Protein backbone atom coordinates (compact mmCIF):
# COMPACT_ATOMS: atom_id res chain seq x y z
CA MET A 1 -165.80 -163.87 -30.49
CA PRO A 2 -165.23 -161.34 -33.26
CA LEU A 3 -166.93 -157.99 -32.97
CA THR A 4 -170.33 -158.43 -34.61
CA HIS A 5 -171.69 -154.92 -34.21
CA PHE A 6 -170.20 -151.49 -33.74
CA ASP A 7 -172.65 -149.64 -31.47
CA GLY A 8 -170.61 -147.98 -28.77
CA ALA A 9 -167.26 -149.04 -30.24
CA LEU A 10 -164.39 -146.55 -30.47
CA ALA A 11 -162.54 -146.73 -33.80
CA VAL A 12 -159.25 -145.07 -34.70
CA VAL A 13 -158.48 -144.68 -38.41
CA THR A 14 -155.24 -143.21 -39.76
CA GLY A 15 -155.07 -141.61 -43.18
CA ALA A 16 -158.74 -140.79 -42.59
CA GLY A 17 -158.74 -137.57 -44.60
CA SER A 18 -159.51 -139.19 -47.95
CA GLY A 19 -159.85 -142.40 -49.93
CA ILE A 20 -160.06 -145.71 -48.11
CA GLY A 21 -159.44 -144.06 -44.74
CA ARG A 22 -162.36 -141.69 -45.08
CA ALA A 23 -164.66 -144.38 -46.49
CA THR A 24 -163.78 -146.75 -43.63
CA THR A 25 -164.30 -144.05 -41.02
CA LEU A 26 -167.76 -143.34 -42.43
CA ALA A 27 -168.65 -147.03 -42.74
CA LEU A 28 -167.86 -147.55 -39.07
CA ALA A 29 -169.65 -144.35 -38.08
CA GLU A 30 -172.73 -145.42 -40.00
CA ARG A 31 -172.81 -148.60 -37.91
CA GLY A 32 -172.74 -146.74 -34.61
CA ALA A 33 -169.03 -146.41 -33.83
CA THR A 34 -167.48 -143.29 -32.36
CA VAL A 35 -164.63 -142.40 -34.72
CA ILE A 36 -161.19 -140.88 -34.30
CA ALA A 37 -160.08 -139.60 -37.72
CA ALA A 38 -156.32 -139.06 -37.88
CA ASP A 39 -154.45 -137.59 -40.82
CA ILE A 40 -151.39 -135.48 -41.52
CA ASP A 41 -153.85 -133.08 -43.22
CA LEU A 42 -155.99 -131.82 -40.33
CA PRO A 43 -158.62 -129.98 -42.44
CA ALA A 44 -159.18 -133.19 -44.43
CA ALA A 45 -159.62 -135.19 -41.20
CA GLU A 46 -162.04 -132.55 -39.93
CA ARG A 47 -164.12 -132.88 -43.10
CA THR A 48 -164.31 -136.62 -42.53
CA VAL A 49 -165.54 -136.04 -38.98
CA THR A 50 -168.14 -133.58 -40.25
CA LEU A 51 -169.44 -136.26 -42.61
CA ALA A 52 -169.43 -138.82 -39.76
CA LYS A 53 -171.46 -136.49 -37.55
CA ALA A 54 -173.99 -136.07 -40.37
CA LEU A 55 -174.52 -139.83 -40.02
CA GLY A 56 -175.28 -139.37 -36.34
CA ALA A 57 -171.91 -140.54 -35.02
CA ALA A 58 -169.58 -138.82 -32.57
CA GLY A 59 -166.11 -138.11 -33.86
CA THR A 60 -162.87 -136.21 -33.33
CA ALA A 61 -160.17 -135.22 -35.80
CA TYR A 62 -156.45 -135.34 -35.02
CA GLN A 63 -153.40 -134.27 -36.97
CA VAL A 64 -150.61 -136.80 -36.77
CA ASP A 65 -147.65 -137.97 -38.85
CA VAL A 66 -147.74 -141.75 -38.49
CA SER A 67 -144.04 -142.02 -39.36
CA ASP A 68 -143.11 -139.90 -36.31
CA ALA A 69 -142.68 -142.17 -33.28
CA ALA A 70 -142.98 -139.35 -30.72
CA ALA A 71 -146.07 -137.94 -32.44
CA MET A 72 -147.73 -141.34 -32.45
CA GLU A 73 -146.86 -141.88 -28.78
CA GLY A 74 -148.54 -138.59 -27.94
CA PHE A 75 -151.54 -139.35 -30.16
CA ALA A 76 -152.14 -142.79 -28.62
CA ALA A 77 -151.80 -141.40 -25.10
CA GLU A 78 -154.26 -138.59 -25.84
CA VAL A 79 -156.81 -140.96 -27.35
CA ARG A 80 -156.66 -143.07 -24.20
CA GLU A 81 -156.83 -140.10 -21.82
CA VAL A 82 -159.49 -138.04 -23.61
CA HIS A 83 -161.58 -140.93 -24.93
CA ARG A 84 -160.59 -144.47 -23.89
CA VAL A 85 -158.82 -147.53 -25.25
CA PRO A 86 -160.06 -148.06 -28.82
CA ASP A 87 -161.89 -151.21 -29.85
CA ILE A 88 -160.89 -150.94 -33.51
CA VAL A 89 -157.73 -149.53 -35.06
CA VAL A 90 -157.33 -149.21 -38.82
CA ASN A 91 -153.74 -148.44 -39.82
CA ASN A 92 -154.51 -147.09 -43.27
CA ALA A 93 -152.13 -144.18 -43.92
CA GLY A 94 -149.96 -144.93 -46.94
CA ILE A 95 -147.94 -143.33 -49.73
CA ALA A 96 -146.42 -144.53 -53.00
CA VAL A 97 -142.96 -144.13 -54.48
CA ALA A 98 -142.72 -145.23 -58.11
CA GLY A 99 -139.54 -145.82 -60.07
CA SER A 100 -136.82 -148.40 -60.41
CA PHE A 101 -134.86 -149.69 -57.43
CA LEU A 102 -131.63 -148.18 -58.76
CA ASP A 103 -133.27 -144.75 -58.98
CA THR A 104 -134.87 -144.90 -55.52
CA GLY A 105 -132.66 -143.01 -53.10
CA VAL A 106 -132.23 -143.46 -49.37
CA GLU A 107 -134.52 -140.52 -48.59
CA ASP A 108 -137.25 -142.01 -50.76
CA TRP A 109 -136.89 -145.35 -48.99
CA GLU A 110 -136.96 -143.71 -45.58
CA ARG A 111 -140.12 -141.78 -46.45
CA VAL A 112 -142.10 -144.74 -47.80
CA ILE A 113 -140.93 -147.07 -45.02
CA GLY A 114 -141.73 -144.38 -42.46
CA VAL A 115 -145.37 -144.08 -43.50
CA ASN A 116 -146.22 -147.51 -44.92
CA LEU A 117 -144.38 -149.70 -42.42
CA TRP A 118 -143.38 -147.66 -39.36
CA GLY A 119 -146.84 -146.10 -39.35
CA VAL A 120 -148.38 -149.56 -39.09
CA ILE A 121 -145.82 -150.63 -36.49
CA HIS A 122 -146.48 -147.57 -34.33
CA GLY A 123 -150.27 -147.90 -34.54
CA SER A 124 -150.23 -151.64 -33.90
CA ARG A 125 -147.72 -151.46 -31.04
CA LEU A 126 -149.20 -148.50 -29.17
CA PHE A 127 -152.88 -149.34 -29.48
CA GLY A 128 -152.21 -153.10 -29.32
CA ASN A 129 -150.57 -152.59 -25.93
CA GLN A 130 -153.56 -150.57 -24.75
CA MET A 131 -155.94 -153.30 -25.85
CA ALA A 132 -153.83 -156.01 -24.22
CA GLU A 133 -153.65 -154.13 -20.92
CA ARG A 134 -157.43 -153.68 -20.96
CA VAL A 135 -158.02 -157.40 -21.46
CA ARG A 136 -155.59 -158.37 -18.69
CA ALA A 137 -157.28 -155.94 -16.28
CA LEU A 138 -160.75 -157.40 -16.80
CA PRO A 139 -162.06 -160.30 -14.69
CA ALA A 140 -161.64 -163.63 -16.46
CA LYS A 141 -164.80 -165.12 -18.00
CA PRO A 142 -164.09 -168.72 -19.01
CA ASP A 143 -167.60 -169.20 -20.39
CA LYS A 144 -167.53 -165.94 -22.38
CA PRO A 145 -164.00 -164.56 -22.97
CA ASN A 146 -163.66 -160.79 -23.18
CA PHE A 147 -163.36 -159.29 -26.65
CA GLY A 148 -160.02 -157.49 -26.78
CA GLY A 149 -160.33 -155.47 -29.98
CA HIS A 150 -159.37 -155.59 -33.63
CA ILE A 151 -156.45 -154.15 -35.61
CA VAL A 152 -156.73 -153.75 -39.39
CA ASN A 153 -153.58 -153.05 -41.39
CA ILE A 154 -154.09 -151.84 -44.94
CA ALA A 155 -151.57 -153.50 -47.26
CA SER A 156 -152.09 -153.96 -51.02
CA ALA A 157 -152.19 -156.58 -53.74
CA ALA A 158 -148.67 -155.26 -54.37
CA ALA A 159 -147.70 -157.13 -51.17
CA TYR A 160 -147.58 -160.37 -53.18
CA GLY A 161 -147.33 -158.89 -56.70
CA PRO A 162 -143.73 -157.80 -57.35
CA SER A 163 -142.99 -155.04 -59.84
CA ARG A 164 -139.82 -153.57 -61.28
CA VAL A 165 -141.41 -150.10 -61.18
CA MET A 166 -142.70 -150.22 -57.58
CA PRO A 167 -140.00 -151.94 -55.47
CA ALA A 168 -140.28 -149.65 -52.44
CA TYR A 169 -144.06 -149.74 -52.32
CA CYS A 170 -144.25 -153.52 -52.85
CA THR A 171 -141.61 -154.15 -50.18
CA THR A 172 -143.40 -152.12 -47.51
CA LYS A 173 -146.76 -153.69 -48.26
CA ALA A 174 -145.29 -157.21 -48.13
CA ALA A 175 -143.83 -156.34 -44.73
CA VAL A 176 -147.26 -155.18 -43.52
CA VAL A 177 -148.78 -158.56 -44.42
CA MET A 178 -146.04 -160.48 -42.57
CA LEU A 179 -146.23 -158.16 -39.56
CA SER A 180 -149.99 -158.69 -39.41
CA ASP A 181 -149.60 -162.48 -39.47
CA CYS A 182 -147.03 -162.35 -36.67
CA LEU A 183 -149.14 -159.99 -34.60
CA ARG A 184 -152.26 -162.08 -35.14
CA GLY A 185 -150.50 -165.10 -33.67
CA GLU A 186 -149.27 -163.12 -30.68
CA LEU A 187 -152.57 -161.43 -29.81
CA ALA A 188 -154.98 -164.29 -30.52
CA GLY A 189 -154.86 -165.47 -26.89
CA LEU A 190 -156.04 -162.01 -25.80
CA ARG A 191 -159.00 -162.10 -28.18
CA ILE A 192 -157.51 -159.28 -30.25
CA GLY A 193 -158.00 -159.87 -33.96
CA VAL A 194 -155.57 -158.71 -36.64
CA THR A 195 -156.36 -158.45 -40.34
CA ALA A 196 -154.26 -157.48 -43.35
CA VAL A 197 -156.42 -155.99 -46.13
CA CYS A 198 -155.03 -156.05 -49.67
CA PRO A 199 -156.91 -153.88 -52.17
CA GLY A 200 -156.08 -153.93 -55.86
CA PHE A 201 -157.00 -150.97 -58.04
CA SER A 202 -159.32 -148.61 -56.17
CA GLY A 203 -160.43 -145.04 -56.74
CA THR A 204 -158.06 -143.19 -54.39
CA ASN A 205 -155.57 -140.33 -54.76
CA ILE A 206 -152.52 -142.54 -54.44
CA PHE A 207 -151.25 -141.82 -57.98
CA ARG A 208 -152.00 -138.12 -57.66
CA ASN A 209 -149.89 -137.93 -54.50
CA ALA A 210 -147.21 -140.44 -55.51
CA THR A 211 -143.52 -139.63 -55.79
CA PHE A 212 -141.96 -140.62 -59.12
CA VAL A 213 -138.18 -141.05 -59.16
CA GLY A 214 -135.61 -141.34 -61.95
CA MET A 215 -137.57 -139.60 -64.69
CA GLU A 216 -138.12 -136.20 -66.27
CA ASP A 217 -141.09 -134.02 -65.33
CA ALA A 218 -142.96 -134.74 -68.56
CA GLU A 219 -142.63 -138.51 -68.10
CA ARG A 220 -143.60 -138.21 -64.44
CA GLU A 221 -146.80 -136.35 -65.25
CA ARG A 222 -147.59 -138.73 -68.10
CA LEU A 223 -147.35 -141.73 -65.79
CA ARG A 224 -149.29 -139.95 -63.07
CA GLY A 225 -152.09 -139.24 -65.55
CA LEU A 226 -152.11 -142.82 -66.81
CA GLY A 227 -152.35 -144.13 -63.27
CA GLU A 228 -155.20 -141.81 -62.31
CA ARG A 229 -157.14 -142.72 -65.45
CA ALA A 230 -156.60 -146.44 -64.80
CA LEU A 231 -157.97 -146.14 -61.27
CA LYS A 232 -160.95 -144.16 -62.52
CA ALA A 233 -161.64 -146.66 -65.30
CA ARG A 234 -161.56 -149.55 -62.78
CA ARG A 235 -164.65 -148.08 -61.10
CA TYR A 236 -163.94 -149.66 -57.73
CA PRO A 237 -164.64 -146.93 -55.15
CA PRO A 238 -163.05 -146.85 -51.70
CA GLU A 239 -166.49 -147.40 -50.21
CA LYS A 240 -166.40 -150.98 -51.51
CA VAL A 241 -163.03 -151.50 -49.84
CA ALA A 242 -164.49 -150.13 -46.62
CA GLU A 243 -167.30 -152.69 -46.77
CA ARG A 244 -164.74 -155.48 -46.98
CA ILE A 245 -162.88 -154.01 -44.01
CA VAL A 246 -166.06 -154.00 -41.94
CA GLU A 247 -166.73 -157.61 -42.94
CA ALA A 248 -163.16 -158.58 -42.04
CA ILE A 249 -163.59 -157.15 -38.54
CA VAL A 250 -166.89 -158.94 -38.01
CA LYS A 251 -165.53 -162.28 -39.23
CA ASN A 252 -162.01 -161.81 -37.84
CA LYS A 253 -160.37 -162.68 -41.15
CA PRO A 254 -156.55 -162.90 -41.30
CA LEU A 255 -156.05 -161.77 -44.92
CA VAL A 256 -158.50 -160.06 -47.25
CA PRO A 257 -157.69 -159.61 -50.95
CA VAL A 258 -160.37 -157.09 -51.88
CA ASN A 259 -161.26 -157.12 -55.56
CA PHE A 260 -160.81 -159.38 -58.58
CA GLU A 261 -157.23 -158.45 -59.44
CA ALA A 262 -156.18 -158.75 -55.79
CA HIS A 263 -157.64 -162.28 -55.62
CA LEU A 264 -156.06 -163.21 -58.96
CA ILE A 265 -152.59 -161.98 -58.03
CA HIS A 266 -152.81 -163.66 -54.63
CA ALA A 267 -153.77 -166.97 -56.25
CA LEU A 268 -150.99 -166.73 -58.82
CA SER A 269 -148.42 -165.91 -56.14
CA ARG A 270 -149.31 -169.17 -54.39
CA ILE A 271 -149.86 -171.42 -57.41
CA SER A 272 -147.29 -170.09 -59.85
CA PRO A 273 -144.66 -167.80 -58.30
CA GLY A 274 -142.69 -168.01 -61.55
CA SER A 275 -145.51 -166.28 -63.40
CA MET A 276 -145.42 -163.49 -60.84
CA ARG A 277 -141.73 -162.98 -61.50
CA LEU A 278 -142.56 -162.57 -65.18
CA LEU A 279 -145.36 -160.15 -64.35
CA ALA A 280 -142.91 -158.16 -62.24
CA ARG A 281 -141.68 -156.66 -65.50
CA GLY A 282 -144.99 -154.75 -65.76
CA PRO A 283 -146.80 -152.26 -63.48
CA ALA A 284 -147.91 -153.16 -59.96
CA PRO A 285 -151.46 -152.87 -58.62
CA LEU A 286 -152.09 -149.98 -56.25
CA ARG A 287 -154.76 -149.51 -53.63
């Protein structure tokens, strides 16, 4: 059965220092989960934990670079040793690289793949193994199978909405959706759920922190400002995304397009892929 309440659950959230990661951490904390807030920015993760404790939840902040395999190995091992095997893992950490494919260099590709894809792979593999070992070690209950846990991977509407100005970002997010589907099939027999969540425009700092390639400083800042204003005008806060993540865990959903534009782009990608190729000439949605 899917997890229907969070009292006593242990939840690990990466990229928990701001945006969707912070909102999700607090949504889980509010429902009684103990939270592990991980972020490359330790003070930001600590602020998230402070907010979680104000809600009455226990929490711990960790600094970790999700793209670093050794760092993630150490992080997962410490979570297990100091706390226990988590019940919920939200692989949320993500970055954006904007610019044409021909202007996106190898270092840019390595950076965005490292965080957006390898970060999800590391989190899913390490904590997924812990969850699987826990299930196998428990006595079998044919009448009431043990709940193994739930892994949430934050993708984007860009996963199925191609764009000429966001090829690296779109590619990594599409890979996250496919990885989640594969992992869901593998772990279903162990009662471990896997969900890919695909927000559209949401009020996060992704444009503010994005890397823009192949353009002058003035153009870069102009586009950054346009993106930030578009996200603000959309008025879809990360807290709403967090609510959909909580719902996805409870209902064990495989894929969750979050808001209107995410649903629309997902529908068009299935009904009329040709229209999506035409739309690829414009900007891509960002979480």
